[in-house]
Structure formats: structure tokens, C-alpha cells
Amino acid sequence: MTNGTVRSGTEIKVTTERPSLSLSLTEMEKGSWVIFDLPGFTTAAAGTQQNTLEALRQASDTSYFKDKDSLWVKVVSPGDPGNGAPGGGASITVSKGAAPVTAASR
């Protein structure tokens, strides 16, 4: 899926052969979040590291947790500017290796 509509509070498992991905949230209210389970991924470009999956689920800001097989990333929206433009929201880049990656808030 390149884009789609999901509800806040959703957990999504992402399986891909790509070496890196940019995960983005747009047009969501402040504090809305989505958790991504990324098997085979190892690195998040930004966010706060959490020590457990439960701590990740409780986090109020963009965070990540790495277990044996997956990288879990919780992307928390800072809020849409209110104009309905697709530029509002948050993004984070994840990768399967130690390659340089970038993250940004839009």
C-alpha cells in the first residue's frame, strides 16, 4: 500500500523487500497514532527508543522498539495545520541496515 486511510490506534504489519521505507501520517488530529510492525527492519531514523512493546504502546510521542525479529514504530501526529492539505502530519524513515536515513515533521 502506498497510501490509504486508517483509524488512529491501528497496528499494521508491514512486509516488504525494500531496504527502507518512509512511514507518514497526514491529516490526523494531534496525538493520533499508528503502530507499525516491521519484520526484518532494524533502524528508525528518529523517535524515542522504548524498552518494551508495552512501553511503546503507552508512549505519547513518536517512538520505536526493537525485538528479536521486528522493529515496531509508533508514529504520533503533531496535528494537521487544518487546511486539509496532505502536507500536514509526521513521518519517519526506517531501514533494514545501518544505512543513513532521514526523518522529518511536515
PDB file of N, CA and C in Angstrom:
ATOM      1  N   MET A   1       0.853  -1.165   0.000  1.00  0.00           N
ATOM      2  CA  MET A   1       0.000   0.000   0.000  1.00  0.00           C
ATOM      3  C   MET A   1       0.903   1.233   0.000  1.00  0.00           C
ATOM      4  N   THR A   2       0.650   2.154  -0.899  1.00  0.00           N
ATOM      5  CA  THR A   2       1.420   3.388  -0.909  1.00  0.00           C
ATOM      6  C   THR A   2       0.763   4.456  -0.065  1.00  0.00           C
ATOM      7  N   ASN A   3      -0.558   4.450   0.007  1.00  0.00           N
ATOM      8  CA  ASN A   3      -1.268   5.317   0.933  1.00  0.00           C
ATOM      9  C   ASN A   3      -2.664   4.771   1.129  1.00  0.00           C
ATOM     10  N   GLY A   4      -3.290   5.197   2.179  1.00  0.00           N
ATOM     11  CA  GLY A   4      -4.632   4.738   2.478  1.00  0.00           C
ATOM     12  C   GLY A   4      -5.132   5.416   3.731  1.00  0.00           C
ATOM     13  N   THR A   5      -6.326   5.092   4.102  1.00  0.00           N
ATOM     14  CA  THR A   5      -6.937   5.678   5.278  1.00  0.00           C
ATOM     15  C   THR A   5      -6.990   4.626   6.381  1.00  0.00           C
ATOM     16  N   VAL A   6      -6.484   4.992   7.548  1.00  0.00           N
ATOM     17  CA  VAL A   6      -6.544   4.112   8.715  1.00  0.00           C
ATOM     18  C   VAL A   6      -7.022   4.916   9.913  1.00  0.00           C
ATOM     19  N   ARG A   7      -7.590   4.234  10.855  1.00  0.00           N
ATOM     20  CA  ARG A   7      -8.034   4.882  12.093  1.00  0.00           C
ATOM     21  C   ARG A   7      -6.852   5.031  13.056  1.00  0.00           C
ATOM     22  N   SER A   8      -6.913   6.080  13.832  1.00  0.00           N
ATOM     23  CA  SER A   8      -5.940   6.240  14.903  1.00  0.00           C
ATOM     24  C   SER A   8      -6.055   5.044  15.841  1.00  0.00           C
ATOM     25  N   GLY A   9      -4.918   4.584  16.353  1.00  0.00           N
ATOM     26  CA  GLY A   9      -4.899   3.451  17.259  1.00  0.00           C
ATOM     27  C   GLY A   9      -4.740   2.115  16.567  1.00  0.00           C
ATOM     28  N   THR A  10      -4.538   2.144  15.264  1.00  0.00           N
ATOM     29  CA  THR A  10      -4.388   0.926  14.480  1.00  0.00           C
ATOM     30  C   THR A  10      -2.958   0.406  14.552  1.00  0.00           C
ATOM     31  N   GLU A  11      -2.801  -0.919  14.585  1.00  0.00           N
ATOM     32  CA  GLU A  11      -1.488  -1.551  14.450  1.00  0.00           C
ATOM     33  C   GLU A  11      -1.450  -2.253  13.100  1.00  0.00           C
ATOM     34  N   ILE A  12      -0.394  -1.980  12.321  1.00  0.00           N
ATOM     35  CA  ILE A  12      -0.279  -2.503  10.970  1.00  0.00           C
ATOM     36  C   ILE A  12       1.036  -3.260  10.814  1.00  0.00           C
ATOM     37  N   LYS A  13       0.968  -4.492  10.305  1.00  0.00           N
ATOM     38  CA  LYS A  13       2.173  -5.254   9.999  1.00  0.00           C
ATOM     39  C   LYS A  13       2.563  -4.955   8.557  1.00  0.00           C
ATOM     40  N   VAL A  14       3.807  -4.550   8.348  1.00  0.00           N
ATOM     41  CA  VAL A  14       4.299  -4.176   7.028  1.00  0.00           C
ATOM     42  C   VAL A  14       5.375  -5.167   6.606  1.00  0.00           C
ATOM     43  N   THR A  15       5.127  -5.880   5.506  1.00  0.00           N
ATOM     44  CA  THR A  15       6.096  -6.820   4.957  1.00  0.00           C
ATOM     45  C   THR A  15       6.514  -6.318   3.589  1.00  0.00           C
ATOM     46  N   THR A  16       7.829  -6.147   3.386  1.00  0.00           N
ATOM     47  CA  THR A  16       8.335  -5.645   2.113  1.00  0.00           C
ATOM     48  C   THR A  16       9.770  -6.103   1.915  1.00  0.00           C
ATOM     49  N   GLU A  17      10.197  -6.134   0.665  1.00  0.00           N
ATOM     50  CA  GLU A  17      11.583  -6.433   0.327  1.00  0.00           C
ATOM     51  C   GLU A  17      12.428  -5.157   0.268  1.00  0.00           C
ATOM     52  N   ARG A  18      11.782  -4.003   0.335  1.00  0.00           N
ATOM     53  CA  ARG A  18      12.512  -2.735   0.259  1.00  0.00           C
ATOM     54  C   ARG A  18      13.494  -2.607   1.418  1.00  0.00           C
ATOM     55  N   PRO A  19      14.649  -1.990   1.180  1.00  0.00           N
ATOM     56  CA  PRO A  19      15.626  -1.819   2.252  1.00  0.00           C
ATOM     57  C   PRO A  19      15.282  -0.686   3.218  1.00  0.00           C
ATOM     58  N   SER A  20      14.419   0.244   2.790  1.00  0.00           N
ATOM     59  CA  SER A  20      13.998   1.332   3.669  1.00  0.00           C
ATOM     60  C   SER A  20      12.604   1.802   3.261  1.00  0.00           C
ATOM     61  N   LEU A  21      11.922   2.432   4.202  1.00  0.00           N
ATOM     62  CA  LEU A  21      10.575   2.945   3.989  1.00  0.00           C
ATOM     63  C   LEU A  21      10.417   4.260   4.717  1.00  0.00           C
ATOM     64  N   SER A  22       9.581   5.122   4.182  1.00  0.00           N
ATOM     65  CA  SER A  22       9.161   6.321   4.891  1.00  0.00           C
ATOM     66  C   SER A  22       7.713   6.101   5.317  1.00  0.00           C
ATOM     67  N   LEU A  23       7.472   6.166   6.613  1.00  0.00           N
ATOM     68  CA  LEU A  23       6.131   5.993   7.165  1.00  0.00           C
ATOM     69  C   LEU A  23       5.580   7.374   7.497  1.00  0.00           C
ATOM     70  N   SER A  24       4.414   7.702   6.978  1.00  0.00           N
ATOM     71  CA  SER A  24       3.862   9.045   7.156  1.00  0.00           C
ATOM     72  C   SER A  24       2.414   9.008   7.624  1.00  0.00           C
ATOM     73  N   LEU A  25       2.070   9.988   8.454  1.00  0.00           N
ATOM     74  CA  LEU A  25       0.697  10.241   8.848  1.00  0.00           C
ATOM     75  C   LEU A  25       0.349  11.651   8.393  1.00  0.00           C
ATOM     76  N   THR A  26      -0.795  11.812   7.778  1.00  0.00           N
ATOM     77  CA  THR A  26      -1.247  13.148   7.384  1.00  0.00           C
ATOM     78  C   THR A  26      -2.705  13.316   7.766  1.00  0.00           C
ATOM     79  N   GLU A  27      -3.093  14.561   7.935  1.00  0.00           N
ATOM     80  CA  GLU A  27      -4.480  14.931   8.196  1.00  0.00           C
ATOM     81  C   GLU A  27      -5.067  14.194   9.395  1.00  0.00           C
ATOM     82  N   MET A  28      -4.261  14.067  10.446  1.00  0.00           N
ATOM     83  CA  MET A  28      -4.735  13.436  11.675  1.00  0.00           C
ATOM     84  C   MET A  28      -4.668  14.438  12.813  1.00  0.00           C
ATOM     85  N   GLU A  29      -5.556  14.288  13.777  1.00  0.00           N
ATOM     86  CA  GLU A  29      -5.577  15.177  14.922  1.00  0.00           C
ATOM     87  C   GLU A  29      -4.330  14.987  15.773  1.00  0.00           C
ATOM     88  N   LYS A  30      -3.969  16.036  16.475  1.00  0.00           N
ATOM     89  CA  LYS A  30      -2.819  15.986  17.367  1.00  0.00           C
ATOM     90  C   LYS A  30      -2.979  14.832  18.354  1.00  0.00           C
ATOM     91  N   GLY A  31      -1.915  14.034  18.493  1.00  0.00           N
ATOM     92  CA  GLY A  31      -1.907  12.912  19.415  1.00  0.00           C
ATOM     93  C   GLY A  31      -2.405  11.603  18.808  1.00  0.00           C
ATOM     94  N   SER A  32      -2.983  11.662  17.615  1.00  0.00           N
ATOM     95  CA  SER A  32      -3.403  10.436  16.937  1.00  0.00           C
ATOM     96  C   SER A  32      -2.165   9.630  16.584  1.00  0.00           C
ATOM     97  N   TRP A  33      -2.298   8.305  16.565  1.00  0.00           N
ATOM     98  CA  TRP A  33      -1.115   7.476  16.331  1.00  0.00           C
ATOM     99  C   TRP A  33      -1.461   6.199  15.588  1.00  0.00           C
ATOM    100  N   VAL A  34      -0.427   5.626  14.974  1.00  0.00           N
ATOM    101  CA  VAL A  34      -0.488   4.322  14.326  1.00  0.00           C
ATOM    102  C   VAL A  34       0.799   3.590  14.682  1.00  0.00           C
ATOM    103  N   ILE A  35       0.707   2.294  14.991  1.00  0.00           N
ATOM    104  CA  ILE A  35       1.893   1.475  15.260  1.00  0.00           C
ATOM    105  C   ILE A  35       2.141   0.576  14.060  1.00  0.00           C
ATOM    106  N   PHE A  36       3.391   0.547  13.616  1.00  0.00           N
ATOM    107  CA  PHE A  36       3.810  -0.303  12.505  1.00  0.00           C
ATOM    108  C   PHE A  36       4.725  -1.399  13.032  1.00  0.00           C
ATOM    109  N   ASP A  37       4.420  -2.651  12.689  1.00  0.00           N
ATOM    110  CA  ASP A  37       5.256  -3.815  12.989  1.00  0.00           C
ATOM    111  C   ASP A  37       6.011  -4.115  11.695  1.00  0.00           C
ATOM    112  N   LEU A  38       7.337  -4.006  11.726  1.00  0.00           N
ATOM    113  CA  LEU A  38       8.172  -4.093  10.524  1.00  0.00           C
ATOM    114  C   LEU A  38       9.171  -5.240  10.641  1.00  0.00           C
ATOM    115  N   PRO A  39       8.751  -6.477  10.312  1.00  0.00           N
ATOM    116  CA  PRO A  39       9.673  -7.609  10.394  1.00  0.00           C
ATOM    117  C   PRO A  39      10.897  -7.397   9.505  1.00  0.00           C
ATOM    118  N   GLY A  40      12.078  -7.683  10.055  1.00  0.00           N
ATOM    119  CA  GLY A  40      13.322  -7.558   9.302  1.00  0.00           C
ATOM    120  C   GLY A  40      13.949  -6.178   9.347  1.00  0.00           C
ATOM    121  N   PHE A  41      13.218  -5.186   9.799  1.00  0.00           N
ATOM    122  CA  PHE A  41      13.785  -3.835   9.893  1.00  0.00           C
ATOM    123  C   PHE A  41      14.537  -3.681  11.204  1.00  0.00           C
ATOM    124  N   THR A  42      15.547  -2.834  11.210  1.00  0.00           N
ATOM    125  CA  THR A  42      16.415  -2.720  12.378  1.00  0.00           C
ATOM    126  C   THR A  42      16.605  -1.303  12.893  1.00  0.00           C
ATOM    127  N   THR A  43      16.366  -0.286  12.050  1.00  0.00           N
ATOM    128  CA  THR A  43      16.739   1.076  12.408  1.00  0.00           C
ATOM    129  C   THR A  43      15.607   2.060  12.154  1.00  0.00           C
ATOM    130  N   ALA A  44      15.360   2.926  13.130  1.00  0.00           N
ATOM    131  CA  ALA A  44      14.444   4.055  12.965  1.00  0.00           C
ATOM    132  C   ALA A  44      15.280   5.324  12.991  1.00  0.00           C
ATOM    133  N   ALA A  45      14.992   6.237  12.074  1.00  0.00           N
ATOM    134  CA  ALA A  45      15.796   7.451  11.951  1.00  0.00           C
ATOM    135  C   ALA A  45      15.558   8.450  13.075  1.00  0.00           C
ATOM    136  N   ALA A  46      14.442   8.330  13.760  1.00  0.00           N
ATOM    137  CA  ALA A  46      14.112   9.295  14.805  1.00  0.00           C
ATOM    138  C   ALA A  46      13.190   8.621  15.807  1.00  0.00           C
ATOM    139  N   GLY A  47      12.786   9.374  16.783  1.00  0.00           N
ATOM    140  CA  GLY A  47      11.871   8.850  17.793  1.00  0.00           C
ATOM    141  C   GLY A  47      12.615   8.466  19.052  1.00  0.00           C
ATOM    142  N   THR A  48      11.847   8.153  20.064  1.00  0.00           N
ATOM    143  CA  THR A  48      12.372   7.769  21.366  1.00  0.00           C
ATOM    144  C   THR A  48      12.406   6.251  21.459  1.00  0.00           C
ATOM    145  N   GLN A  49      13.547   5.696  21.833  1.00  0.00           N
ATOM    146  CA  GLN A  49      13.634   4.242  21.985  1.00  0.00           C
ATOM    147  C   GLN A  49      12.885   3.821  23.238  1.00  0.00           C
ATOM    148  N   GLN A  50      12.089   2.773  23.110  1.00  0.00           N
ATOM    149  CA  GLN A  50      11.361   2.200  24.249  1.00  0.00           C
ATOM    150  C   GLN A  50      11.923   0.812  24.525  1.00  0.00           C
ATOM    151  N   ASN A  51      11.885   0.376  25.785  1.00  0.00           N
ATOM    152  CA  ASN A  51      12.480  -0.898  26.181  1.00  0.00           C
ATOM    153  C   ASN A  51      11.555  -2.099  26.030  1.00  0.00           C
ATOM    154  N   THR A  52      10.256  -1.861  25.910  1.00  0.00           N
ATOM    155  CA  THR A  52       9.292  -2.955  25.762  1.00  0.00           C
ATOM    156  C   THR A  52       8.206  -2.534  24.778  1.00  0.00           C
ATOM    157  N   LEU A  53       7.516  -3.516  24.253  1.00  0.00           N
ATOM    158  CA  LEU A  53       6.400  -3.232  23.362  1.00  0.00           C
ATOM    159  C   LEU A  53       5.287  -2.517  24.122  1.00  0.00           C
ATOM    160  N   GLU A  54       5.066  -2.882  25.359  1.00  0.00           N
ATOM    161  CA  GLU A  54       4.051  -2.206  26.169  1.00  0.00           C
ATOM    162  C   GLU A  54       4.407  -0.735  26.388  1.00  0.00           C
ATOM    163  N   ALA A  55       5.688  -0.441  26.636  1.00  0.00           N
ATOM    164  CA  ALA A  55       6.118   0.953  26.787  1.00  0.00           C
ATOM    165  C   ALA A  55       5.889   1.717  25.485  1.00  0.00           C
ATOM    166  N   LEU A  56       6.139   1.067  24.349  1.00  0.00           N
ATOM    167  CA  LEU A  56       5.878   1.703  23.064  1.00  0.00           C
ATOM    168  C   LEU A  56       4.394   2.038  22.933  1.00  0.00           C
ATOM    169  N   ARG A  57       3.543   1.095  23.271  1.00  0.00           N
ATOM    170  CA  ARG A  57       2.101   1.326  23.159  1.00  0.00           C
ATOM    171  C   ARG A  57       1.638   2.469  24.063  1.00  0.00           C
ATOM    172  N   GLN A  58       2.302   2.675  25.184  1.00  0.00           N
ATOM    173  CA  GLN A  58       1.931   3.740  26.125  1.00  0.00           C
ATOM    174  C   GLN A  58       2.570   5.089  25.788  1.00  0.00           C
ATOM    175  N   ALA A  59       3.560   5.110  24.905  1.00  0.00           N
ATOM    176  CA  ALA A  59       4.297   6.344  24.590  1.00  0.00           C
ATOM    177  C   ALA A  59       3.379   7.400  23.981  1.00  0.00           C
ATOM    178  N   SER A  60       3.640   8.655  24.304  1.00  0.00           N
ATOM    179  CA  SER A  60       2.817   9.752  23.786  1.00  0.00           C
ATOM    180  C   SER A  60       3.509  10.528  22.667  1.00  0.00           C
ATOM    181  N   ASP A  61       4.719  10.110  22.316  1.00  0.00           N
ATOM    182  CA  ASP A  61       5.415  10.743  21.196  1.00  0.00           C
ATOM    183  C   ASP A  61       5.948   9.652  20.261  1.00  0.00           C
ATOM    184  N   THR A  62       6.397  10.038  19.089  1.00  0.00           N
ATOM    185  CA  THR A  62       6.908   9.071  18.123  1.00  0.00           C
ATOM    186  C   THR A  62       8.047   8.283  18.750  1.00  0.00           C
ATOM    187  N   SER A  63       7.935   6.957  18.709  1.00  0.00           N
ATOM    188  CA  SER A  63       8.870   6.078  19.413  1.00  0.00           C
ATOM    189  C   SER A  63       9.056   4.788  18.636  1.00  0.00           C
ATOM    190  N   TYR A  64      10.047   4.001  19.072  1.00  0.00           N
ATOM    191  CA  TYR A  64      10.289   2.705  18.438  1.00  0.00           C
ATOM    192  C   TYR A  64      10.757   1.697  19.474  1.00  0.00           C
ATOM    193  N   PHE A  65      10.568   0.415  19.144  1.00  0.00           N
ATOM    194  CA  PHE A  65      11.011  -0.694  19.974  1.00  0.00           C
ATOM    195  C   PHE A  65      11.540  -1.773  19.046  1.00  0.00           C
ATOM    196  N   LYS A  66      12.697  -2.309  19.326  1.00  0.00           N
ATOM    197  CA  LYS A  66      13.311  -3.362  18.518  1.00  0.00           C
ATOM    198  C   LYS A  66      13.303  -4.651  19.314  1.00  0.00           C
ATOM    199  N   ASP A  67      12.635  -5.682  18.762  1.00  0.00           N
ATOM    200  CA  ASP A  67      12.735  -7.001  19.381  1.00  0.00           C
ATOM    201  C   ASP A  67      13.583  -7.894  18.481  1.00  0.00           C
ATOM    202  N   LYS A  68      13.577  -9.191  18.725  1.00  0.00           N
ATOM    203  CA  LYS A  68      14.442 -10.113  18.004  1.00  0.00           C
ATOM    204  C   LYS A  68      14.201 -10.105  16.492  1.00  0.00           C
ATOM    205  N   ASP A  69      12.943  -9.996  16.080  1.00  0.00           N
ATOM    206  CA  ASP A  69      12.602 -10.151  14.668  1.00  0.00           C
ATOM    207  C   ASP A  69      12.065  -8.903  13.980  1.00  0.00           C
ATOM    208  N   SER A  70      11.600  -7.935  14.742  1.00  0.00           N
ATOM    209  CA  SER A  70      10.897  -6.791  14.150  1.00  0.00           C
ATOM    210  C   SER A  70      11.307  -5.476  14.786  1.00  0.00           C
ATOM    211  N   LEU A  71      11.105  -4.438  14.015  1.00  0.00           N
ATOM    212  CA  LEU A  71      11.159  -3.068  14.524  1.00  0.00           C
ATOM    213  C   LEU A  71       9.707  -2.615  14.625  1.00  0.00           C
ATOM    214  N   TRP A  72       9.319  -2.141  15.780  1.00  0.00           N
ATOM    215  CA  TRP A  72       7.976  -1.608  15.995  1.00  0.00           C
ATOM    216  C   TRP A  72       8.110  -0.098  16.091  1.00  0.00           C
ATOM    217  N   VAL A  73       7.294   0.629  15.339  1.00  0.00           N
ATOM    218  CA  VAL A  73       7.365   2.085  15.326  1.00  0.00           C
ATOM    219  C   VAL A  73       5.975   2.656  15.588  1.00  0.00           C
ATOM    220  N   LYS A  74       5.897   3.549  16.554  1.00  0.00           N
ATOM    221  CA  LYS A  74       4.657   4.275  16.826  1.00  0.00           C
ATOM    222  C   LYS A  74       4.854   5.694  16.321  1.00  0.00           C
ATOM    223  N   VAL A  75       4.086   6.076  15.310  1.00  0.00           N
ATOM    224  CA  VAL A  75       4.156   7.424  14.751  1.00  0.00           C
ATOM    225  C   VAL A  75       2.981   8.212  15.327  1.00  0.00           C
ATOM    226  N   VAL A  76       3.309   9.323  16.001  1.00  0.00           N
ATOM    227  CA  VAL A  76       2.302  10.154  16.651  1.00  0.00           C
ATOM    228  C   VAL A  76       2.200  11.464  15.890  1.00  0.00           C
ATOM    229  N   SER A  77       0.983  11.831  15.512  1.00  0.00           N
ATOM    230  CA  SER A  77       0.763  13.046  14.737  1.00  0.00           C
ATOM    231  C   SER A  77       0.860  14.293  15.607  1.00  0.00           C
ATOM    232  N   PRO A  78       1.573  15.316  15.113  1.00  0.00           N
ATOM    233  CA  PRO A  78       1.593  16.599  15.811  1.00  0.00           C
ATOM    234  C   PRO A  78       0.356  17.425  15.481  1.00  0.00           C
ATOM    235  N   GLY A  79      -0.479  16.922  14.580  1.00  0.00           N
ATOM    236  CA  GLY A  79      -1.694  17.629  14.179  1.00  0.00           C
ATOM    237  C   GLY A  79      -1.569  18.194  12.782  1.00  0.00           C
ATOM    238  N   ASP A  80      -2.675  18.261  12.113  1.00  0.00           N
ATOM    239  CA  ASP A  80      -2.754  18.819  10.774  1.00  0.00           C
ATOM    240  C   ASP A  80      -2.904  20.334  10.885  1.00  0.00           C
ATOM    241  N   PRO A  81      -2.341  21.094   9.940  1.00  0.00           N
ATOM    242  CA  PRO A  81      -2.480  22.540  10.016  1.00  0.00           C
ATOM    243  C   PRO A  81      -3.914  23.018   9.866  1.00  0.00           C
ATOM    244  N   GLY A  82      -4.845  22.122   9.546  1.00  0.00           N
ATOM    245  CA  GLY A  82      -6.239  22.498   9.496  1.00  0.00           C
ATOM    246  C   GLY A  82      -6.738  22.903   8.128  1.00  0.00           C
ATOM    247  N   ASN A  83      -5.866  22.874   7.147  1.00  0.00           N
ATOM    248  CA  ASN A  83      -6.282  23.292   5.815  1.00  0.00           C
ATOM    249  C   ASN A  83      -6.606  22.112   4.909  1.00  0.00           C
ATOM    250  N   GLY A  84      -6.525  20.898   5.439  1.00  0.00           N
ATOM    251  CA  GLY A  84      -6.836  19.717   4.651  1.00  0.00           C
ATOM    252  C   GLY A  84      -5.754  19.320   3.670  1.00  0.00           C
ATOM    253  N   ALA A  85      -4.657  20.064   3.643  1.00  0.00           N
ATOM    254  CA  ALA A  85      -3.570  19.762   2.718  1.00  0.00           C
ATOM    255  C   ALA A  85      -2.857  18.497   3.149  1.00  0.00           C
ATOM    256  N   PRO A  86      -2.426  17.686   2.189  1.00  0.00           N
ATOM    257  CA  PRO A  86      -1.756  16.447   2.553  1.00  0.00           C
ATOM    258  C   PRO A  86      -0.368  16.644   3.149  1.00  0.00           C
ATOM    259  N   GLY A  87       0.107  17.858   3.294  1.00  0.00           N
ATOM    260  CA  GLY A  87       1.432  18.096   3.837  1.00  0.00           C
ATOM    261  C   GLY A  87       1.507  18.046   5.346  1.00  0.00           C
ATOM    262  N   GLY A  88       0.371  18.113   6.041  1.00  0.00           N
ATOM    263  CA  GLY A  88       0.401  18.100   7.493  1.00  0.00           C
ATOM    264  C   GLY A  88       0.678  16.709   8.022  1.00  0.00           C
ATOM    265  N   GLY A  89       1.264  16.615   9.203  1.00  0.00           N
ATOM    266  CA  GLY A  89       1.467  15.309   9.811  1.00  0.00           C
ATOM    267  C   GLY A  89       2.901  15.050  10.200  1.00  0.00           C
ATOM    268  N   ALA A  90       3.253  13.767  10.253  1.00  0.00           N
ATOM    269  CA  ALA A  90       4.581  13.355  10.695  1.00  0.00           C
ATOM    270  C   ALA A  90       5.070  12.210   9.833  1.00  0.00           C
ATOM    271  N   SER A  91       6.388  12.084   9.722  1.00  0.00           N
ATOM    272  CA  SER A  91       6.952  10.945   9.003  1.00  0.00           C
ATOM    273  C   SER A  91       8.235  10.499   9.679  1.00  0.00           C
ATOM    274  N   ILE A  92       8.572   9.245   9.448  1.00  0.00           N
ATOM    275  CA  ILE A  92       9.812   8.675   9.964  1.00  0.00           C
ATOM    276  C   ILE A  92      10.290   7.641   8.950  1.00  0.00           C
ATOM    277  N   THR A  93      11.582   7.584   8.762  1.00  0.00           N
ATOM    278  CA  THR A  93      12.159   6.610   7.845  1.00  0.00           C
ATOM    279  C   THR A  93      12.745   5.458   8.649  1.00  0.00           C
ATOM    280  N   VAL A  94      12.509   4.244   8.169  1.00  0.00           N
ATOM    281  CA  VAL A  94      13.036   3.043   8.803  1.00  0.00           C
ATOM    282  C   VAL A  94      13.843   2.273   7.765  1.00  0.00           C
ATOM    283  N   SER A  95      14.825   1.491   8.244  1.00  0.00           N
ATOM    284  CA  SER A  95      15.650   0.736   7.299  1.00  0.00           C
ATOM    285  C   SER A  95      16.010  -0.635   7.865  1.00  0.00           C
ATOM    286  N   LYS A  96      16.486  -1.487   6.960  1.00  0.00           N
ATOM    287  CA  LYS A  96      16.891  -2.836   7.326  1.00  0.00           C
ATOM    288  C   LYS A  96      18.364  -2.932   7.661  1.00  0.00           C
ATOM    289  N   GLY A  97      19.091  -1.848   7.581  1.00  0.00           N
ATOM    290  CA  GLY A  97      20.505  -1.860   7.891  1.00  0.00           C
ATOM    291  C   GLY A  97      20.917  -0.574   8.555  1.00  0.00           C
ATOM    292  N   ALA A  98      22.213  -0.358   8.627  1.00  0.00           N
ATOM    293  CA  ALA A  98      22.741   0.824   9.275  1.00  0.00           C
ATOM    294  C   ALA A  98      22.944   1.979   8.308  1.00  0.00           C
ATOM    295  N   ALA A  99      22.328   1.910   7.131  1.00  0.00           N
ATOM    296  CA  ALA A  99      22.461   2.987   6.140  1.00  0.00           C
ATOM    297  C   ALA A  99      21.885   4.274   6.689  1.00  0.00           C
ATOM    298  N   PRO A 100      22.442   5.423   6.292  1.00  0.00           N
ATOM    299  CA  PRO A 100      21.893   6.703   6.741  1.00  0.00           C
ATOM    300  C   PRO A 100      20.446   6.856   6.287  1.00  0.00           C
ATOM    301  N   VAL A 101      19.619   7.348   7.208  1.00  0.00           N
ATOM    302  CA  VAL A 101      18.221   7.582   6.905  1.00  0.00           C
ATOM    303  C   VAL A 101      17.811   8.937   7.450  1.00  0.00           C
ATOM    304  N   THR A 102      16.657   9.435   7.016  1.00  0.00           N
ATOM    305  CA  THR A 102      16.226  10.741   7.466  1.00  0.00           C
ATOM    306  C   THR A 102      14.805  10.679   8.018  1.00  0.00           C
ATOM    307  N   ALA A 103      14.459  11.666   8.820  1.00  0.00           N
ATOM    308  CA  ALA A 103      13.108  11.796   9.348  1.00  0.00           C
ATOM    309  C   ALA A 103      12.766  13.267   9.371  1.00  0.00           C
ATOM    310  N   ALA A 104      11.481  13.555   9.294  1.00  0.00           N
ATOM    311  CA  ALA A 104      11.071  14.945   9.322  1.00  0.00           C
ATOM    312  C   ALA A 104       9.640  15.054   9.818  1.00  0.00           C
ATOM    313  N   SER A 105       9.341  16.197  10.400  1.00  0.00           N
ATOM    314  CA  SER A 105       7.956  16.565  10.662  1.00  0.00           C
ATOM    315  C   SER A 105       7.577  17.543   9.594  1.00  0.00           C
ATOM    316  N   ARG A 106       6.420  17.355   9.047  1.00  0.00           N
ATOM    317  CA  ARG A 106       5.985  18.252   7.974  1.00  0.00           C
ATOM    318  C   ARG A 106       5.084  19.314   8.535  1.00  0.00           C
TER     319      ARG A 106
END
